[in-house]
Structures are given as structure tokens and as C-alpha cells.
Amino acid sequence: MPCAIEPMSIDDFDEVSRLWQQTEGLGLGQSDSKPNIARYLARNPGLSFVARDANRIIGAVLCGHDGRRGCLHHLAVAREHRKQGLGKALVAACLDRLADLGILKCNLFLFADNDQGEVFWRRTGWVKRTDLLVMQKTVPKRSGMME
């Protein structure tokens, strides 16, 4: 594998964002703006990674934790570089860093209709939880500072 796996920085945002936008099965939203990703990277230093082929980013993954569980977001590998182990290498880098921090389990979200993604995750040892249901609520915007 002639590429380097390196920690992601906010300087990578534009290139990573383009990769995410070009990756089928990956959904982006308001939480994926540059300021929000900058905050995420600052809160989870050294946990998210990019794969570089020369100076071009060809893979990326966000990783963080809440002190108990890790969470992966937005794993993407450029189409022409798939099936070479880059996705596995990016995930392994994240899991190694989580292990260094004493985090014992890691979760991820996958769109229910992302069959190709589900095949990848199952082949790499991830287990589908059928006993959980994901629920979500948009946090209302507030004006002013929180007390």
C-alpha cells in the first residue's frame, strides 16, 4: 500500500469534504460544516485519519469517543483505491488510538439501505445490533450564552 495513514487536521477539510460528497452511501448534513468538523477534531485529537497517495487524500474517517464508547463516522475511500485495504487500515488506526485511551467498544451508524457498506463492516468483524433503535432530535438553536 503506497499511501500514508496520517491524523486528520482541519486543513484537510476541503479535500475530505469533496471525498465524502463523492462517496455513495454516505450522508452529510449541517453537522459536517467546517466549523463543526474543526470542533470535533479538537475534541477528539489524533483519532480521525486520512490516507494520502502522494499529496492527494484518497481516504478518510472521523473517530471520537464519549469516554465510554468510540464512534466512527464517514469512512470513505476513493473508488479507484478500494479493495486495497485502505478502509481497513483507516479503521485499524482509529481502533488502535481508542485502545490507547482505554475505550473498549466502538459503534458506527450505517444507512439501512447501504448494502455495500454493511458487507464491508461485517467482513471486517463488526456485528449488527438488532436490539437497538436509533432515535434523534434536532437541538433547537438558542440565542445568547448558556448559563
Foldseek 3Di string as FASTA:
>chain_A
DQKDKFADALVCLVQLVVQLVPDPQADDDPCSDSVNVNVQCVQAPPQWIFIDDVNHTFWTWRWHDDLAEIEIHRTGGHPVPPPPCPSVVRVVSNVVVCVVVVHDYYYYDGPPPPPVVVVVCVVSPDDDDPPDDDDDDDDDDDPDDDD
